[in-house]
Amino acid sequence: MMVISVPVFVYLSYPMFLAAYRALKNRNLNMDVMYSMEIGVAFISRILGTFKIILSSEFLFDETAILLATFLTLGKYLEQKEKEKHRKR
């Protein structure tokens, strides 16, 4: 499951991590920083649970990081479409 989900996770979350990095570089806290922290913690806990490093296998939430990234990406996409629609009016 992890082999399949890592490329999807990277593809979906890379723009958010990049935006969060730029915001932190400019000393600005915005929603991208919060989203990146959520997704990053979910992904790291999944890795730690998979390899039983700190967390046990009871803490396997394989879908959590990907679902967060998917819903946040979908929300940003829908927001952008609505902004474009209102600009054309």
PDB file of N, CA and C in Angstrom:
ATOM      1  N   MET A   1       0.825  -1.198   0.000  1.00  0.00           N
ATOM      2  CA  MET A   1       0.000   0.000   0.000  1.00  0.00           C
ATOM      3  C   MET A   1       0.866   1.258   0.000  1.00  0.00           C
ATOM      4  N   MET A   2       1.950   1.212   0.741  1.00  0.00           N
ATOM      5  CA  MET A   2       2.801   2.388   0.848  1.00  0.00           C
ATOM      6  C   MET A   2       3.491   2.696  -0.474  1.00  0.00           C
ATOM      7  N   VAL A   3       3.876   1.668  -1.210  1.00  0.00           N
ATOM      8  CA  VAL A   3       4.564   1.869  -2.492  1.00  0.00           C
ATOM      9  C   VAL A   3       3.647   2.577  -3.482  1.00  0.00           C
ATOM     10  N   ILE A   4       2.390   2.260  -3.452  1.00  0.00           N
ATOM     11  CA  ILE A   4       1.428   2.878  -4.367  1.00  0.00           C
ATOM     12  C   ILE A   4       1.085   4.299  -3.925  1.00  0.00           C
ATOM     13  N   SER A   5       0.980   4.515  -2.633  1.00  0.00           N
ATOM     14  CA  SER A   5       0.481   5.804  -2.149  1.00  0.00           C
ATOM     15  C   SER A   5       1.543   6.899  -2.070  1.00  0.00           C
ATOM     16  N   VAL A   6       2.816   6.552  -1.979  1.00  0.00           N
ATOM     17  CA  VAL A   6       3.850   7.589  -1.860  1.00  0.00           C
ATOM     18  C   VAL A   6       3.908   8.490  -3.089  1.00  0.00           C
ATOM     19  N   PRO A   7       3.898   7.957  -4.331  1.00  0.00           N
ATOM     20  CA  PRO A   7       3.903   8.871  -5.486  1.00  0.00           C
ATOM     21  C   PRO A   7       2.675   9.781  -5.541  1.00  0.00           C
ATOM     22  N   VAL A   8       1.526   9.243  -5.171  1.00  0.00           N
ATOM     23  CA  VAL A   8       0.306  10.058  -5.145  1.00  0.00           C
ATOM     24  C   VAL A   8       0.436  11.149  -4.088  1.00  0.00           C
ATOM     25  N   PHE A   9       0.957  10.787  -2.936  1.00  0.00           N
ATOM     26  CA  PHE A   9       1.157  11.761  -1.861  1.00  0.00           C
ATOM     27  C   PHE A   9       2.099  12.874  -2.299  1.00  0.00           C
ATOM     28  N   VAL A  10       3.211  12.507  -2.916  1.00  0.00           N
ATOM     29  CA  VAL A  10       4.192  13.507  -3.351  1.00  0.00           C
ATOM     30  C   VAL A  10       3.587  14.414  -4.413  1.00  0.00           C
ATOM     31  N   TYR A  11       2.860  13.837  -5.364  1.00  0.00           N
ATOM     32  CA  TYR A  11       2.259  14.626  -6.444  1.00  0.00           C
ATOM     33  C   TYR A  11       1.237  15.623  -5.905  1.00  0.00           C
ATOM     34  N   LEU A  12       0.416  15.190  -4.965  1.00  0.00           N
ATOM     35  CA  LEU A  12      -0.639  16.060  -4.447  1.00  0.00           C
ATOM     36  C   LEU A  12      -0.134  17.083  -3.436  1.00  0.00           C
ATOM     37  N   SER A  13       0.835  16.701  -2.628  1.00  0.00           N
ATOM     38  CA  SER A  13       1.234  17.587  -1.538  1.00  0.00           C
ATOM     39  C   SER A  13       2.422  18.481  -1.869  1.00  0.00           C
ATOM     40  N   TYR A  14       3.134  18.213  -2.944  1.00  0.00           N
ATOM     41  CA  TYR A  14       4.302  19.027  -3.279  1.00  0.00           C
ATOM     42  C   TYR A  14       3.967  20.512  -3.426  1.00  0.00           C
ATOM     43  N   PRO A  15       2.900  20.889  -4.158  1.00  0.00           N
ATOM     44  CA  PRO A  15       2.582  22.328  -4.259  1.00  0.00           C
ATOM     45  C   PRO A  15       2.288  22.976  -2.905  1.00  0.00           C
ATOM     46  N   MET A  16       1.656  22.232  -1.999  1.00  0.00           N
ATOM     47  CA  MET A  16       1.361  22.798  -0.681  1.00  0.00           C
ATOM     48  C   MET A  16       2.630  22.970   0.145  1.00  0.00           C
ATOM     49  N   PHE A  17       3.524  21.993   0.087  1.00  0.00           N
ATOM     50  CA  PHE A  17       4.789  22.118   0.811  1.00  0.00           C
ATOM     51  C   PHE A  17       5.632  23.253   0.240  1.00  0.00           C
ATOM     52  N   LEU A  18       5.597  23.423  -1.064  1.00  0.00           N
ATOM     53  CA  LEU A  18       6.348  24.507  -1.694  1.00  0.00           C
ATOM     54  C   LEU A  18       5.788  25.868  -1.281  1.00  0.00           C
ATOM     55  N   ALA A  19       4.461  25.993  -1.276  1.00  0.00           N
ATOM     56  CA  ALA A  19       3.832  27.250  -0.850  1.00  0.00           C
ATOM     57  C   ALA A  19       4.110  27.527   0.626  1.00  0.00           C
ATOM     58  N   ALA A  20       4.105  26.488   1.445  1.00  0.00           N
ATOM     59  CA  ALA A  20       4.408  26.671   2.868  1.00  0.00           C
ATOM     60  C   ALA A  20       5.857  27.087   3.066  1.00  0.00           C
ATOM     61  N   TYR A  21       6.753  26.515   2.297  1.00  0.00           N
ATOM     62  CA  TYR A  21       8.165  26.893   2.390  1.00  0.00           C
ATOM     63  C   TYR A  21       8.351  28.360   2.022  1.00  0.00           C
ATOM     64  N   ARG A  22       7.688  28.792   0.955  1.00  0.00           N
ATOM     65  CA  ARG A  22       7.794  30.196   0.541  1.00  0.00           C
ATOM     66  C   ARG A  22       7.213  31.130   1.596  1.00  0.00           C
ATOM     67  N   ALA A  23       6.104  30.720   2.201  1.00  0.00           N
ATOM     68  CA  ALA A  23       5.493  31.550   3.239  1.00  0.00           C
ATOM     69  C   ALA A  23       6.405  31.661   4.456  1.00  0.00           C
ATOM     70  N   LEU A  24       6.988  30.555   4.873  1.00  0.00           N
ATOM     71  CA  LEU A  24       7.890  30.594   6.024  1.00  0.00           C
ATOM     72  C   LEU A  24       9.160  31.368   5.718  1.00  0.00           C
ATOM     73  N   LYS A  25       9.610  31.276   4.479  1.00  0.00           N
ATOM     74  CA  LYS A  25      10.799  32.022   4.073  1.00  0.00           C
ATOM     75  C   LYS A  25      10.550  33.526   4.167  1.00  0.00           C
ATOM     76  N   ASN A  26       9.315  33.937   3.889  1.00  0.00           N
ATOM     77  CA  ASN A  26       8.924  35.346   3.982  1.00  0.00           C
ATOM     78  C   ASN A  26       8.387  35.711   5.367  1.00  0.00           C
ATOM     79  N   ARG A  27       8.552  34.815   6.324  1.00  0.00           N
ATOM     80  CA  ARG A  27       8.080  35.017   7.698  1.00  0.00           C
ATOM     81  C   ARG A  27       6.583  35.304   7.751  1.00  0.00           C
ATOM     82  N   ASN A  28       5.852  34.459   7.062  1.00  0.00           N
ATOM     83  CA  ASN A  28       4.411  34.616   6.979  1.00  0.00           C
ATOM     84  C   ASN A  28       3.760  33.271   7.289  1.00  0.00           C
ATOM     85  N   LEU A  29       2.825  33.270   8.218  1.00  0.00           N
ATOM     86  CA  LEU A  29       2.073  32.053   8.504  1.00  0.00           C
ATOM     87  C   LEU A  29       0.732  32.143   7.789  1.00  0.00           C
ATOM     88  N   ASN A  30       0.454  31.159   6.958  1.00  0.00           N
ATOM     89  CA  ASN A  30      -0.827  31.138   6.259  1.00  0.00           C
ATOM     90  C   ASN A  30      -1.396  29.722   6.295  1.00  0.00           C
ATOM     91  N   MET A  31      -2.469  29.512   5.574  1.00  0.00           N
ATOM     92  CA  MET A  31      -3.135  28.216   5.594  1.00  0.00           C
ATOM     93  C   MET A  31      -2.269  27.115   4.991  1.00  0.00           C
ATOM     94  N   ASP A  32      -1.408  27.452   4.047  1.00  0.00           N
ATOM     95  CA  ASP A  32      -0.542  26.438   3.449  1.00  0.00           C
ATOM     96  C   ASP A  32       0.419  25.846   4.476  1.00  0.00           C
ATOM     97  N   VAL A  33       0.864  26.660   5.407  1.00  0.00           N
ATOM     98  CA  VAL A  33       1.740  26.162   6.473  1.00  0.00           C
ATOM     99  C   VAL A  33       0.976  25.171   7.346  1.00  0.00           C
ATOM    100  N   MET A  34      -0.249  25.508   7.699  1.00  0.00           N
ATOM    101  CA  MET A  34      -1.061  24.617   8.518  1.00  0.00           C
ATOM    102  C   MET A  34      -1.361  23.314   7.777  1.00  0.00           C
ATOM    103  N   TYR A  35      -1.739  23.422   6.499  1.00  0.00           N
ATOM    104  CA  TYR A  35      -2.024  22.227   5.712  1.00  0.00           C
ATOM    105  C   TYR A  35      -0.794  21.337   5.601  1.00  0.00           C
ATOM    106  N   SER A  36       0.354  21.932   5.386  1.00  0.00           N
ATOM    107  CA  SER A  36       1.585  21.153   5.249  1.00  0.00           C
ATOM    108  C   SER A  36       1.937  20.450   6.552  1.00  0.00           C
ATOM    109  N   MET A  37       1.698  21.119   7.661  1.00  0.00           N
ATOM    110  CA  MET A  37       1.958  20.476   8.949  1.00  0.00           C
ATOM    111  C   MET A  37       1.027  19.288   9.159  1.00  0.00           C
ATOM    112  N   GLU A  38      -0.245  19.441   8.827  1.00  0.00           N
ATOM    113  CA  GLU A  38      -1.203  18.341   8.970  1.00  0.00           C
ATOM    114  C   GLU A  38      -0.795  17.147   8.122  1.00  0.00           C
ATOM    115  N   ILE A  39      -0.528  17.414   6.863  1.00  0.00           N
ATOM    116  CA  ILE A  39      -0.196  16.339   5.936  1.00  0.00           C
ATOM    117  C   ILE A  39       1.142  15.704   6.308  1.00  0.00           C
ATOM    118  N   GLY A  40       2.101  16.525   6.694  1.00  0.00           N
ATOM    119  CA  GLY A  40       3.414  16.004   7.070  1.00  0.00           C
ATOM    120  C   GLY A  40       3.356  15.109   8.294  1.00  0.00           C
ATOM    121  N   VAL A  41       2.611  15.520   9.314  1.00  0.00           N
ATOM    122  CA  VAL A  41       2.482  14.706  10.522  1.00  0.00           C
ATOM    123  C   VAL A  41       1.765  13.397  10.209  1.00  0.00           C
ATOM    124  N   ALA A  42       0.722  13.445   9.398  1.00  0.00           N
ATOM    125  CA  ALA A  42       0.015  12.215   9.029  1.00  0.00           C
ATOM    126  C   ALA A  42       0.927  11.267   8.262  1.00  0.00           C
ATOM    127  N   PHE A  43       1.725  11.805   7.358  1.00  0.00           N
ATOM    128  CA  PHE A  43       2.622  10.968   6.561  1.00  0.00           C
ATOM    129  C   PHE A  43       3.741  10.381   7.418  1.00  0.00           C
ATOM    130  N   ILE A  44       4.326  11.189   8.283  1.00  0.00           N
ATOM    131  CA  ILE A  44       5.410  10.695   9.142  1.00  0.00           C
ATOM    132  C   ILE A  44       4.896   9.639  10.119  1.00  0.00           C
ATOM    133  N   SER A  45       3.715   9.847  10.676  1.00  0.00           N
ATOM    134  CA  SER A  45       3.166   8.838  11.589  1.00  0.00           C
ATOM    135  C   SER A  45       2.866   7.545  10.850  1.00  0.00           C
ATOM    136  N   ARG A  46       2.494   7.641   9.593  1.00  0.00           N
ATOM    137  CA  ARG A  46       2.256   6.440   8.799  1.00  0.00           C
ATOM    138  C   ARG A  46       3.553   5.673   8.589  1.00  0.00           C
ATOM    139  N   ILE A  47       4.636   6.389   8.288  1.00  0.00           N
ATOM    140  CA  ILE A  47       5.931   5.731   8.096  1.00  0.00           C
ATOM    141  C   ILE A  47       6.398   5.085   9.402  1.00  0.00           C
ATOM    142  N   LEU A  48       6.274   5.814  10.505  1.00  0.00           N
ATOM    143  CA  LEU A  48       6.697   5.270  11.798  1.00  0.00           C
ATOM    144  C   LEU A  48       5.860   4.062  12.195  1.00  0.00           C
ATOM    145  N   GLY A  49       4.580   4.078  11.874  1.00  0.00           N
ATOM    146  CA  GLY A  49       3.725   2.933  12.172  1.00  0.00           C
ATOM    147  C   GLY A  49       3.977   1.754  11.255  1.00  0.00           C
ATOM    148  N   THR A  50       4.305   2.026   9.999  1.00  0.00           N
ATOM    149  CA  THR A  50       4.560   0.945   9.048  1.00  0.00           C
ATOM    150  C   THR A  50       5.797   0.154   9.436  1.00  0.00           C
ATOM    151  N   PHE A  51       6.845   0.850   9.778  1.00  0.00           N
ATOM    152  CA  PHE A  51       8.093   0.178  10.119  1.00  0.00           C
ATOM    153  C   PHE A  51       8.235  -0.078  11.621  1.00  0.00           C
ATOM    154  N   LYS A  52       7.183   0.229  12.390  1.00  0.00           N
ATOM    155  CA  LYS A  52       7.140   0.007  13.840  1.00  0.00           C
ATOM    156  C   LYS A  52       8.351   0.619  14.538  1.00  0.00           C
ATOM    157  N   ILE A  53       8.708   1.831  14.123  1.00  0.00           N
ATOM    158  CA  ILE A  53       9.857   2.512  14.707  1.00  0.00           C
ATOM    159  C   ILE A  53       9.497   3.036  16.100  1.00  0.00           C
ATOM    160  N   ILE A  54       8.512   3.880  16.168  1.00  0.00           N
ATOM    161  CA  ILE A  54       8.068   4.414  17.459  1.00  0.00           C
ATOM    162  C   ILE A  54       6.634   3.970  17.723  1.00  0.00           C
ATOM    163  N   LEU A  55       5.808   4.081  16.713  1.00  0.00           N
ATOM    164  CA  LEU A  55       4.400   3.723  16.846  1.00  0.00           C
ATOM    165  C   LEU A  55       4.195   2.262  16.494  1.00  0.00           C
ATOM    166  N   SER A  56       3.184   1.662  17.072  1.00  0.00           N
ATOM    167  CA  SER A  56       2.877   0.278  16.725  1.00  0.00           C
ATOM    168  C   SER A  56       2.033   0.249  15.459  1.00  0.00           C
ATOM    169  N   SER A  57       1.769  -0.933  14.975  1.00  0.00           N
ATOM    170  CA  SER A  57       0.994  -1.054  13.738  1.00  0.00           C
ATOM    171  C   SER A  57      -0.471  -0.682  13.933  1.00  0.00           C
ATOM    172  N   GLU A  58      -0.886  -0.439  15.170  1.00  0.00           N
ATOM    173  CA  GLU A  58      -2.253   0.025  15.420  1.00  0.00           C
ATOM    174  C   GLU A  58      -2.461   1.443  14.912  1.00  0.00           C
ATOM    175  N   PHE A  59      -1.380   2.175  14.695  1.00  0.00           N
ATOM    176  CA  PHE A  59      -1.455   3.563  14.264  1.00  0.00           C
ATOM    177  C   PHE A  59      -1.293   3.704  12.760  1.00  0.00           C
ATOM    178  N   LEU A  60      -1.671   2.700  12.020  1.00  0.00           N
ATOM    179  CA  LEU A  60      -1.563   2.780  10.565  1.00  0.00           C
ATOM    180  C   LEU A  60      -2.800   3.463  10.003  1.00  0.00           C
ATOM    181  N   PHE A  61      -2.611   4.643   9.498  1.00  0.00           N
ATOM    182  CA  PHE A  61      -3.671   5.386   8.838  1.00  0.00           C
ATOM    183  C   PHE A  61      -3.177   5.695   7.437  1.00  0.00           C
ATOM    184  N   ASP A  62      -3.126   4.675   6.600  1.00  0.00           N
ATOM    185  CA  ASP A  62      -2.542   4.825   5.270  1.00  0.00           C
ATOM    186  C   ASP A  62      -3.261   5.867   4.431  1.00  0.00           C
ATOM    187  N   GLU A  63      -4.547   5.947   4.588  1.00  0.00           N
ATOM    188  CA  GLU A  63      -5.305   6.834   3.718  1.00  0.00           C
ATOM    189  C   GLU A  63      -5.366   8.270   4.221  1.00  0.00           C
ATOM    190  N   THR A  64      -5.022   8.532   5.453  1.00  0.00           N
ATOM    191  CA  THR A  64      -5.219   9.851   6.041  1.00  0.00           C
ATOM    192  C   THR A  64      -4.440  10.940   5.327  1.00  0.00           C
ATOM    193  N   ALA A  65      -3.162  10.743   5.108  1.00  0.00           N
ATOM    194  CA  ALA A  65      -2.340  11.772   4.460  1.00  0.00           C
ATOM    195  C   ALA A  65      -2.805  12.018   3.035  1.00  0.00           C
ATOM    196  N   ILE A  66      -3.152  10.961   2.327  1.00  0.00           N
ATOM    197  CA  ILE A  66      -3.586  11.119   0.938  1.00  0.00           C
ATOM    198  C   ILE A  66      -4.962  11.768   0.869  1.00  0.00           C
ATOM    199  N   LEU A  67      -5.862  11.391   1.763  1.00  0.00           N
ATOM    200  CA  LEU A  67      -7.185  12.019   1.764  1.00  0.00           C
ATOM    201  C   LEU A  67      -7.097  13.498   2.108  1.00  0.00           C
ATOM    202  N   LEU A  68      -6.270  13.845   3.079  1.00  0.00           N
ATOM    203  CA  LEU A  68      -6.084  15.265   3.395  1.00  0.00           C
ATOM    204  C   LEU A  68      -5.553  16.027   2.191  1.00  0.00           C
ATOM    205  N   ALA A  69      -4.528  15.491   1.554  1.00  0.00           N
ATOM    206  CA  ALA A  69      -3.951  16.159   0.383  1.00  0.00           C
ATOM    207  C   ALA A  69      -4.964  16.246  -0.751  1.00  0.00           C
ATOM    208  N   THR A  70      -5.750  15.192  -0.948  1.00  0.00           N
ATOM    209  CA  THR A  70      -6.749  15.190  -2.019  1.00  0.00           C
ATOM    210  C   THR A  70      -7.830  16.228  -1.768  1.00  0.00           C
ATOM    211  N   PHE A  71      -8.378  16.249  -0.566  1.00  0.00           N
ATOM    212  CA  PHE A  71      -9.450  17.201  -0.265  1.00  0.00           C
ATOM    213  C   PHE A  71      -8.955  18.646  -0.302  1.00  0.00           C
ATOM    214  N   LEU A  72      -7.756  18.882   0.181  1.00  0.00           N
ATOM    215  CA  LEU A  72      -7.223  20.243   0.152  1.00  0.00           C
ATOM    216  C   LEU A  72      -6.932  20.692  -1.276  1.00  0.00           C
ATOM    217  N   THR A  73      -6.416  19.789  -2.096  1.00  0.00           N
ATOM    218  CA  THR A  73      -6.168  20.119  -3.501  1.00  0.00           C
ATOM    219  C   THR A  73      -7.478  20.360  -4.236  1.00  0.00           C
ATOM    220  N   LEU A  74      -8.474  19.527  -3.970  1.00  0.00           N
ATOM    221  CA  LEU A  74      -9.790  19.715  -4.584  1.00  0.00           C
ATOM    222  C   LEU A  74     -10.408  21.040  -4.145  1.00  0.00           C
ATOM    223  N   GLY A  75     -10.284  21.383  -2.875  1.00  0.00           N
ATOM    224  CA  GLY A  75     -10.811  22.655  -2.382  1.00  0.00           C
ATOM    225  C   GLY A  75     -10.140  23.850  -3.032  1.00  0.00           C
ATOM    226  N   LYS A  76      -8.829  23.783  -3.191  1.00  0.00           N
ATOM    227  CA  LYS A  76      -8.118  24.884  -3.857  1.00  0.00           C
ATOM    228  C   LYS A  76      -8.524  24.988  -5.323  1.00  0.00           C
ATOM    229  N   TYR A  77      -8.718  23.848  -5.967  1.00  0.00           N
ATOM    230  CA  TYR A  77      -9.140  23.846  -7.370  1.00  0.00           C
ATOM    231  C   TYR A  77     -10.526  24.477  -7.511  1.00  0.00           C
ATOM    232  N   LEU A  78     -11.463  24.076  -6.667  1.00  0.00           N
ATOM    233  CA  LEU A  78     -12.815  24.635  -6.740  1.00  0.00           C
ATOM    234  C   LEU A  78     -12.821  26.126  -6.411  1.00  0.00           C
ATOM    235  N   GLU A  79     -12.006  26.541  -5.463  1.00  0.00           N
ATOM    236  CA  GLU A  79     -11.899  27.962  -5.135  1.00  0.00           C
ATOM    237  C   GLU A  79     -11.371  28.757  -6.327  1.00  0.00           C
ATOM    238  N   GLN A  80     -10.369  28.232  -6.998  1.00  0.00           N
ATOM    239  CA  GLN A  80      -9.801  28.905  -8.167  1.00  0.00           C
ATOM    240  C   GLN A  80     -10.824  29.014  -9.294  1.00  0.00           C
ATOM    241  N   LYS A  81     -11.599  27.950  -9.510  1.00  0.00           N
ATOM    242  CA  LYS A  81     -12.632  27.983 -10.557  1.00  0.00           C
ATOM    243  C   LYS A  81     -13.694  29.032 -10.248  1.00  0.00           C
ATOM    244  N   GLU A  82     -14.092  29.150  -8.992  1.00  0.00           N
ATOM    245  CA  GLU A  82     -15.084  30.155  -8.614  1.00  0.00           C
ATOM    246  C   GLU A  82     -14.532  31.568  -8.779  1.00  0.00           C
ATOM    247  N   LYS A  83     -13.281  31.767  -8.433  1.00  0.00           N
ATOM    248  CA  LYS A  83     -12.675  33.089  -8.615  1.00  0.00           C
ATOM    249  C   LYS A  83     -12.626  33.462 -10.089  1.00  0.00           C
ATOM    250  N   GLU A  84     -12.292  32.505 -10.944  1.00  0.00           N
ATOM    251  CA  GLU A  84     -12.263  32.773 -12.383  1.00  0.00           C
ATOM    252  C   GLU A  84     -13.653  33.081 -12.912  1.00  0.00           C
ATOM    253  N   LYS A  85     -14.648  32.387 -12.403  1.00  0.00           N
ATOM    254  CA  LYS A  85     -16.021  32.615 -12.843  1.00  0.00           C
ATOM    255  C   LYS A  85     -16.480  34.024 -12.477  1.00  0.00           C
ATOM    256  N   HIS A  86     -16.136  34.486 -11.288  1.00  0.00           N
ATOM    257  CA  HIS A  86     -16.560  35.814 -10.846  1.00  0.00           C
ATOM    258  C   HIS A  86     -15.756  36.930 -11.500  1.00  0.00           C
ATOM    259  N   ARG A  87     -14.552  36.655 -11.931  1.00  0.00           N
ATOM    260  CA  ARG A  87     -13.766  37.668 -12.644  1.00  0.00           C
ATOM    261  C   ARG A  87     -14.342  37.947 -14.022  1.00  0.00           C
ATOM    262  N   LYS A  88     -14.943  36.952 -14.640  1.00  0.00           N
ATOM    263  CA  LYS A  88     -15.485  37.106 -15.993  1.00  0.00           C
ATOM    264  C   LYS A  88     -16.770  37.915 -16.006  1.00  0.00           C
ATOM    265  N   ARG A  89     -17.414  38.073 -14.876  1.00  0.00           N
ATOM    266  CA  ARG A  89     -18.691  38.804 -14.824  1.00  0.00           C
ATOM    267  C   ARG A  89     -18.495  40.250 -15.018  1.00  0.00           C
TER     268      ARG A  89
END
